[in-house]
Amino acid sequence: METIRKELIAQFMTINAHTNLSAIRDPEGIQIKHIDDALEINKAIILKPGSTLCDIGTWGGFPLLPIAISNPKVQCTGIDSTKKKIDAVNEMIAHLKILNAKTIRTRAEELKKEATPWGEGFDYVTARGVSYIDKLLPQIHHLVKKKGKLILYKLYTSEEAQAIWTIIKRYRFVIQKKHTYQLFEGDIQRIIYVLKKI
């Protein structure tokens, strides 16, 4: 894991230098703010071997690539509508030989449920810093299979914490877990919501 982590950082830095995926350009920043943040999922939930995961708005491959690397028996798909981002992620997947990750260039709301594994949706759908839940959930709820999990990486706000209860009921989700964390001392409060589709 340590070797591939260093390779991921180096590869991301190389691509980011000419593609401008992120304003974070130093190895420590990439490690803490992208990789460590992505890997918080493994503290919030155990991803089952043989399951499927879709990362919405995967942009530079986070959290898609760290999740795929740390869960080699989970089939991971990254979705983004921007060609340069998809090309960048594909380049990293090929360079790092990540066999359980792929990408689709599309918008989440345009990906039909029938196009997902077995036409049932994904076991897990992740979204990291994409948009507020009242805008996000109507666009992606169909991609989560029945009894599947929607995993949202958010910056904690009391407004969204209150609003989430109303919107998830409308789309038949319940909160299974709330995982709060900080990436470093003095960091803003972050939260991962694990929502189960009923």
C-alpha atoms as a PDB file:
ATOM      1  CA  MET A   1       0.000   0.000   0.000  1.00  0.00           C
ATOM      2  CA  GLU A   2       2.842   2.377   0.857  1.00  0.00           C
ATOM      3  CA  THR A   3       4.529   1.932  -2.532  1.00  0.00           C
ATOM      4  CA  ILE A   4       1.339   2.449  -4.540  1.00  0.00           C
ATOM      5  CA  ARG A   5       0.451   5.451  -2.360  1.00  0.00           C
ATOM      6  CA  LYS A   6       3.733   7.119  -3.296  1.00  0.00           C
ATOM      7  CA  GLU A   7       3.189   6.228  -6.947  1.00  0.00           C
ATOM      8  CA  LEU A   8      -0.332   7.676  -6.831  1.00  0.00           C
ATOM      9  CA  ILE A   9       0.966  10.944  -5.380  1.00  0.00           C
ATOM     10  CA  ALA A  10       3.762  11.151  -7.959  1.00  0.00           C
ATOM     11  CA  GLN A  11       1.423  10.354 -10.842  1.00  0.00           C
ATOM     12  CA  PHE A  12      -1.196  12.820  -9.668  1.00  0.00           C
ATOM     13  CA  MET A  13       1.439  15.556  -9.348  1.00  0.00           C
ATOM     14  CA  THR A  14       2.704  14.876 -12.871  1.00  0.00           C
ATOM     15  CA  ILE A  15      -0.761  15.012 -14.419  1.00  0.00           C
ATOM     16  CA  ASN A  16      -1.903  17.922 -12.260  1.00  0.00           C
ATOM     17  CA  ALA A  17       1.041  20.011 -13.439  1.00  0.00           C
ATOM     18  CA  HIS A  18      -0.429  20.223 -16.959  1.00  0.00           C
ATOM     19  CA  THR A  19      -4.123  19.368 -16.451  1.00  0.00           C
ATOM     20  CA  ASN A  20      -4.863  21.540 -13.387  1.00  0.00           C
ATOM     21  CA  LEU A  21      -7.088  19.101 -11.517  1.00  0.00           C
ATOM     22  CA  SER A  22      -6.430  20.553  -8.070  1.00  0.00           C
ATOM     23  CA  ALA A  23      -4.910  23.619  -6.405  1.00  0.00           C
ATOM     24  CA  ILE A  24      -3.207  21.234  -3.965  1.00  0.00           C
ATOM     25  CA  ARG A  25       0.171  20.440  -5.518  1.00  0.00           C
ATOM     26  CA  ASP A  26       2.528  19.367  -2.737  1.00  0.00           C
ATOM     27  CA  PRO A  27       2.927  15.682  -1.714  1.00  0.00           C
ATOM     28  CA  GLU A  28       1.880  16.271   1.906  1.00  0.00           C
ATOM     29  CA  GLY A  29      -1.224  18.184   0.869  1.00  0.00           C
ATOM     30  CA  ILE A  30      -2.221  15.483  -1.619  1.00  0.00           C
ATOM     31  CA  GLN A  31      -1.673  12.808   1.021  1.00  0.00           C
ATOM     32  CA  ILE A  32      -3.716  14.531   3.730  1.00  0.00           C
ATOM     33  CA  LYS A  33      -6.432  16.393   1.834  1.00  0.00           C
ATOM     34  CA  HIS A  34      -7.082  13.885  -0.939  1.00  0.00           C
ATOM     35  CA  ILE A  35      -5.839  10.397  -0.015  1.00  0.00           C
ATOM     36  CA  ASP A  36      -6.409  10.442   3.752  1.00  0.00           C
ATOM     37  CA  ASP A  37      -9.792  12.077   3.233  1.00  0.00           C
ATOM     38  CA  ALA A  38     -10.780   9.446   0.655  1.00  0.00           C
ATOM     39  CA  LEU A  39      -9.720   6.608   2.967  1.00  0.00           C
ATOM     40  CA  GLU A  40     -11.979   7.781   5.804  1.00  0.00           C
ATOM     41  CA  ILE A  41     -14.647   5.630   4.138  1.00  0.00           C
ATOM     42  CA  ASN A  42     -12.875   2.548   5.484  1.00  0.00           C
ATOM     43  CA  LYS A  43     -13.433   3.847   9.024  1.00  0.00           C
ATOM     44  CA  ALA A  44     -17.085   4.590   8.353  1.00  0.00           C
ATOM     45  CA  ILE A  45     -18.112   1.349   6.645  1.00  0.00           C
ATOM     46  CA  ILE A  46     -16.723  -2.045   5.615  1.00  0.00           C
ATOM     47  CA  LEU A  47     -17.099  -2.458   1.860  1.00  0.00           C
ATOM     48  CA  LYS A  48     -18.048  -6.044   1.061  1.00  0.00           C
ATOM     49  CA  PRO A  49     -15.804  -8.068  -1.305  1.00  0.00           C
ATOM     50  CA  GLY A  50     -17.542  -8.693  -4.619  1.00  0.00           C
ATOM     51  CA  SER A  51     -19.647  -5.547  -4.348  1.00  0.00           C
ATOM     52  CA  THR A  52     -19.877  -2.625  -6.772  1.00  0.00           C
ATOM     53  CA  LEU A  53     -19.198   1.052  -6.097  1.00  0.00           C
ATOM     54  CA  CYS A  54     -19.793   4.172  -8.156  1.00  0.00           C
ATOM     55  CA  ASP A  55     -18.028   7.459  -7.404  1.00  0.00           C
ATOM     56  CA  ILE A  56     -20.044  10.447  -8.603  1.00  0.00           C
ATOM     57  CA  GLY A  57     -18.094  13.464  -9.860  1.00  0.00           C
ATOM     58  CA  THR A  58     -14.802  11.645  -9.540  1.00  0.00           C
ATOM     59  CA  TRP A  59     -12.819  14.619 -11.013  1.00  0.00           C
ATOM     60  CA  GLY A  60      -9.125  13.767 -10.257  1.00  0.00           C
ATOM     61  CA  GLY A  61      -9.759  10.243  -9.013  1.00  0.00           C
ATOM     62  CA  PHE A  62     -10.578  10.999  -5.385  1.00  0.00           C
ATOM     63  CA  PRO A  63     -12.014   9.165  -3.594  1.00  0.00           C
ATOM     64  CA  LEU A  64     -12.239   6.575  -6.422  1.00  0.00           C
ATOM     65  CA  LEU A  65      -8.579   5.538  -6.650  1.00  0.00           C
ATOM     66  CA  PRO A  66      -7.732   5.258  -2.928  1.00  0.00           C
ATOM     67  CA  ILE A  67     -10.965   3.310  -2.396  1.00  0.00           C
ATOM     68  CA  ALA A  68     -10.157   0.924  -5.266  1.00  0.00           C
ATOM     69  CA  ILE A  69      -6.557   0.449  -4.106  1.00  0.00           C
ATOM     70  CA  SER A  70      -7.544  -0.247  -0.490  1.00  0.00           C
ATOM     71  CA  ASN A  71     -10.489  -2.490  -1.485  1.00  0.00           C
ATOM     72  CA  PRO A  72      -9.150  -4.639  -4.355  1.00  0.00           C
ATOM     73  CA  LYS A  73     -12.181  -6.957  -4.338  1.00  0.00           C
ATOM     74  CA  VAL A  74     -14.678  -4.124  -4.862  1.00  0.00           C
ATOM     75  CA  GLN A  75     -15.431  -3.174  -8.481  1.00  0.00           C
ATOM     76  CA  CYS A  76     -15.195   0.630  -8.649  1.00  0.00           C
ATOM     77  CA  THR A  77     -16.536   2.965 -11.347  1.00  0.00           C
ATOM     78  CA  GLY A  78     -15.874   6.691 -11.519  1.00  0.00           C
ATOM     79  CA  ILE A  79     -18.316   9.025 -13.268  1.00  0.00           C
ATOM     80  CA  ASP A  80     -17.532  12.527 -14.474  1.00  0.00           C
ATOM     81  CA  SER A  81     -18.778  14.603 -17.398  1.00  0.00           C
ATOM     82  CA  THR A  82     -15.469  16.399 -18.068  1.00  0.00           C
ATOM     83  CA  LYS A  83     -13.211  14.726 -20.638  1.00  0.00           C
ATOM     84  CA  LYS A  84      -9.892  15.985 -19.245  1.00  0.00           C
ATOM     85  CA  LYS A  85     -10.745  14.615 -15.800  1.00  0.00           C
ATOM     86  CA  ILE A  86     -11.778  11.217 -17.131  1.00  0.00           C
ATOM     87  CA  ASP A  87      -8.634  11.072 -19.290  1.00  0.00           C
ATOM     88  CA  ALA A  88      -6.476  11.941 -16.275  1.00  0.00           C
ATOM     89  CA  VAL A  89      -8.064   9.260 -14.099  1.00  0.00           C
ATOM     90  CA  ASN A  90      -7.751   6.672 -16.869  1.00  0.00           C
ATOM     91  CA  GLU A  91      -4.070   7.519 -17.193  1.00  0.00           C
ATOM     92  CA  MET A  92      -3.542   6.956 -13.458  1.00  0.00           C
ATOM     93  CA  ILE A  93      -5.527   3.698 -13.532  1.00  0.00           C
ATOM     94  CA  ALA A  94      -3.364   2.401 -16.393  1.00  0.00           C
ATOM     95  CA  HIS A  95      -0.062   3.600 -14.897  1.00  0.00           C
ATOM     96  CA  LEU A  96      -0.812   2.129 -11.446  1.00  0.00           C
ATOM     97  CA  LYS A  97      -2.374  -1.034 -12.914  1.00  0.00           C
ATOM     98  CA  ILE A  98      -5.525  -0.735 -10.812  1.00  0.00           C
ATOM     99  CA  LEU A  99      -7.552  -3.658 -12.136  1.00  0.00           C
ATOM    100  CA  ASN A 100     -10.770  -2.994 -10.217  1.00  0.00           C
ATOM    101  CA  ALA A 101     -11.335   0.616 -11.346  1.00  0.00           C
ATOM    102  CA  LYS A 102     -12.805   2.113 -14.512  1.00  0.00           C
ATOM    103  CA  THR A 103     -14.492   5.341 -15.576  1.00  0.00           C
ATOM    104  CA  ILE A 104     -17.533   6.447 -17.545  1.00  0.00           C
ATOM    105  CA  ARG A 105     -17.794   9.912 -19.052  1.00  0.00           C
ATOM    106  CA  THR A 106     -21.367  10.926 -18.321  1.00  0.00           C
ATOM    107  CA  ARG A 107     -23.545  12.793 -15.865  1.00  0.00           C
ATOM    108  CA  ALA A 108     -25.048  10.827 -13.002  1.00  0.00           C
ATOM    109  CA  GLU A 109     -28.589  11.888 -13.895  1.00  0.00           C
ATOM    110  CA  GLU A 110     -28.034  10.618 -17.461  1.00  0.00           C
ATOM    111  CA  LEU A 111     -26.723   7.191 -16.477  1.00  0.00           C
ATOM    112  CA  LYS A 112     -29.669   4.853 -16.664  1.00  0.00           C
ATOM    113  CA  LYS A 113     -30.201   2.304 -13.946  1.00  0.00           C
ATOM    114  CA  GLU A 114     -30.285  -0.371 -16.656  1.00  0.00           C
ATOM    115  CA  ALA A 115     -26.655   0.462 -17.499  1.00  0.00           C
ATOM    116  CA  THR A 116     -25.511  -0.326 -13.950  1.00  0.00           C
ATOM    117  CA  PRO A 117     -24.345  -3.812 -12.853  1.00  0.00           C
ATOM    118  CA  TRP A 118     -27.170  -6.301 -13.453  1.00  0.00           C
ATOM    119  CA  GLY A 119     -29.524  -3.373 -14.018  1.00  0.00           C
ATOM    120  CA  GLU A 120     -30.035  -3.050 -10.283  1.00  0.00           C
ATOM    121  CA  GLY A 121     -27.867  -0.077  -9.422  1.00  0.00           C
ATOM    122  CA  PHE A 122     -24.660  -0.107  -7.384  1.00  0.00           C
ATOM    123  CA  ASP A 123     -24.126  -1.526  -3.912  1.00  0.00           C
ATOM    124  CA  TYR A 124     -22.387   1.717  -2.919  1.00  0.00           C
ATOM    125  CA  VAL A 125     -22.460   5.197  -4.406  1.00  0.00           C
ATOM    126  CA  THR A 126     -20.007   7.821  -3.158  1.00  0.00           C
ATOM    127  CA  ALA A 127     -20.041  11.579  -3.618  1.00  0.00           C
ATOM    128  CA  ARG A 128     -17.287  13.798  -2.202  1.00  0.00           C
ATOM    129  CA  GLY A 129     -17.950  17.517  -2.028  1.00  0.00           C
ATOM    130  CA  VAL A 130     -20.247  17.447  -5.055  1.00  0.00           C
ATOM    131  CA  SER A 131     -23.222  19.610  -4.023  1.00  0.00           C
ATOM    132  CA  TYR A 132     -25.813  20.071  -1.305  1.00  0.00           C
ATOM    133  CA  ILE A 133     -27.921  16.998  -0.678  1.00  0.00           C
ATOM    134  CA  ASP A 134     -31.194  18.620  -1.791  1.00  0.00           C
ATOM    135  CA  LYS A 135     -29.717  19.068  -5.282  1.00  0.00           C
ATOM    136  CA  LEU A 136     -27.623  15.893  -5.322  1.00  0.00           C
ATOM    137  CA  LEU A 137     -30.082  13.229  -4.183  1.00  0.00           C
ATOM    138  CA  PRO A 138     -32.662  13.772  -6.971  1.00  0.00           C
ATOM    139  CA  GLN A 139     -29.861  13.256  -9.526  1.00  0.00           C
ATOM    140  CA  ILE A 140     -28.246  10.116  -8.118  1.00  0.00           C
ATOM    141  CA  HIS A 141     -30.790   8.165  -6.037  1.00  0.00           C
ATOM    142  CA  HIS A 142     -31.615   5.848  -8.944  1.00  0.00           C
ATOM    143  CA  LEU A 143     -28.001   4.592  -9.053  1.00  0.00           C
ATOM    144  CA  VAL A 144     -28.221   3.079  -5.556  1.00  0.00           C
ATOM    145  CA  LYS A 145     -29.682  -0.431  -5.544  1.00  0.00           C
ATOM    146  CA  LYS A 146     -32.332  -1.469  -3.017  1.00  0.00           C
ATOM    147  CA  LYS A 147     -30.642  -1.913   0.390  1.00  0.00           C
ATOM    148  CA  GLY A 148     -27.554  -0.268  -1.114  1.00  0.00           C
ATOM    149  CA  LYS A 149     -25.631   2.579   0.520  1.00  0.00           C
ATOM    150  CA  LEU A 150     -25.128   6.190  -0.468  1.00  0.00           C
ATOM    151  CA  ILE A 151     -21.940   7.555   1.118  1.00  0.00           C
ATOM    152  CA  LEU A 152     -21.602  11.333   1.234  1.00  0.00           C
ATOM    153  CA  TYR A 153     -18.382  13.136   2.166  1.00  0.00           C
ATOM    154  CA  LYS A 154     -19.381  16.559   3.476  1.00  0.00           C
ATOM    155  CA  LEU A 155     -18.108  19.575   5.338  1.00  0.00           C
ATOM    156  CA  TYR A 156     -20.353  19.683   8.380  1.00  0.00           C
ATOM    157  CA  THR A 157     -22.986  22.424   8.526  1.00  0.00           C
ATOM    158  CA  SER A 158     -25.899  22.511  10.953  1.00  0.00           C
ATOM    159  CA  GLU A 159     -28.227  23.646   8.136  1.00  0.00           C
ATOM    160  CA  GLU A 160     -27.500  20.592   6.002  1.00  0.00           C
ATOM    161  CA  ALA A 161     -27.581  18.308   9.043  1.00  0.00           C
ATOM    162  CA  GLN A 162     -31.182  19.440   9.628  1.00  0.00           C
ATOM    163  CA  ALA A 163     -32.217  19.435   5.967  1.00  0.00           C
ATOM    164  CA  ILE A 164     -30.972  15.906   5.343  1.00  0.00           C
ATOM    165  CA  TRP A 165     -33.803  14.282   7.323  1.00  0.00           C
ATOM    166  CA  THR A 166     -36.509  15.708   5.063  1.00  0.00           C
ATOM    167  CA  ILE A 167     -34.863  15.001   1.732  1.00  0.00           C
ATOM    168  CA  ILE A 168     -33.801  11.412   2.469  1.00  0.00           C
ATOM    169  CA  LYS A 169     -37.318  10.377   3.472  1.00  0.00           C
ATOM    170  CA  ARG A 170     -38.590  11.548   0.090  1.00  0.00           C
ATOM    171  CA  TYR A 171     -36.226   9.140  -1.690  1.00  0.00           C
ATOM    172  CA  ARG A 172     -36.563   6.281   0.819  1.00  0.00           C
ATOM    173  CA  PHE A 173     -33.191   6.493   2.532  1.00  0.00           C
ATOM    174  CA  VAL A 174     -32.375   6.274   6.219  1.00  0.00           C
ATOM    175  CA  ILE A 175     -29.223   7.394   8.007  1.00  0.00           C
ATOM    176  CA  GLN A 176     -27.276   4.296   8.961  1.00  0.00           C
ATOM    177  CA  LYS A 177     -24.179   6.043  10.299  1.00  0.00           C
ATOM    178  CA  LYS A 178     -22.609   9.474  10.743  1.00  0.00           C
ATOM    179  CA  HIS A 179     -18.797   9.436  10.855  1.00  0.00           C
ATOM    180  CA  THR A 180     -17.263  12.755  11.951  1.00  0.00           C
ATOM    181  CA  TYR A 181     -13.551  13.483  11.608  1.00  0.00           C
ATOM    182  CA  GLN A 182     -10.820  16.054  11.066  1.00  0.00           C
ATOM    183  CA  LEU A 183      -7.819  15.544   8.810  1.00  0.00           C
ATOM    184  CA  PHE A 184      -5.424  17.485  11.030  1.00  0.00           C
ATOM    185  CA  GLU A 185      -5.449  19.508  14.225  1.00  0.00           C
ATOM    186  CA  GLY A 186      -7.488  22.658  13.730  1.00  0.00           C
ATOM    187  CA  ASP A 187      -9.158  21.310  10.578  1.00  0.00           C
ATOM    188  CA  ILE A 188     -12.800  22.077   9.847  1.00  0.00           C
ATOM    189  CA  GLN A 189     -15.363  19.510  10.962  1.00  0.00           C
ATOM    190  CA  ARG A 190     -15.990  16.891   8.307  1.00  0.00           C
ATOM    191  CA  ILE A 191     -18.641  14.183   8.178  1.00  0.00           C
ATOM    192  CA  ILE A 192     -19.424  11.070   6.169  1.00  0.00           C
ATOM    193  CA  TYR A 193     -23.114  10.203   5.995  1.00  0.00           C
ATOM    194  CA  VAL A 194     -23.868   6.537   5.281  1.00  0.00           C
ATOM    195  CA  LEU A 195     -27.433   6.391   3.946  1.00  0.00           C
ATOM    196  CA  LYS A 196     -29.211   3.095   3.347  1.00  0.00           C
ATOM    197  CA  LYS A 197     -31.865   2.755   0.644  1.00  0.00           C
ATOM    198  CA  ILE A 198     -34.956   0.991   1.957  1.00  0.00           C
END
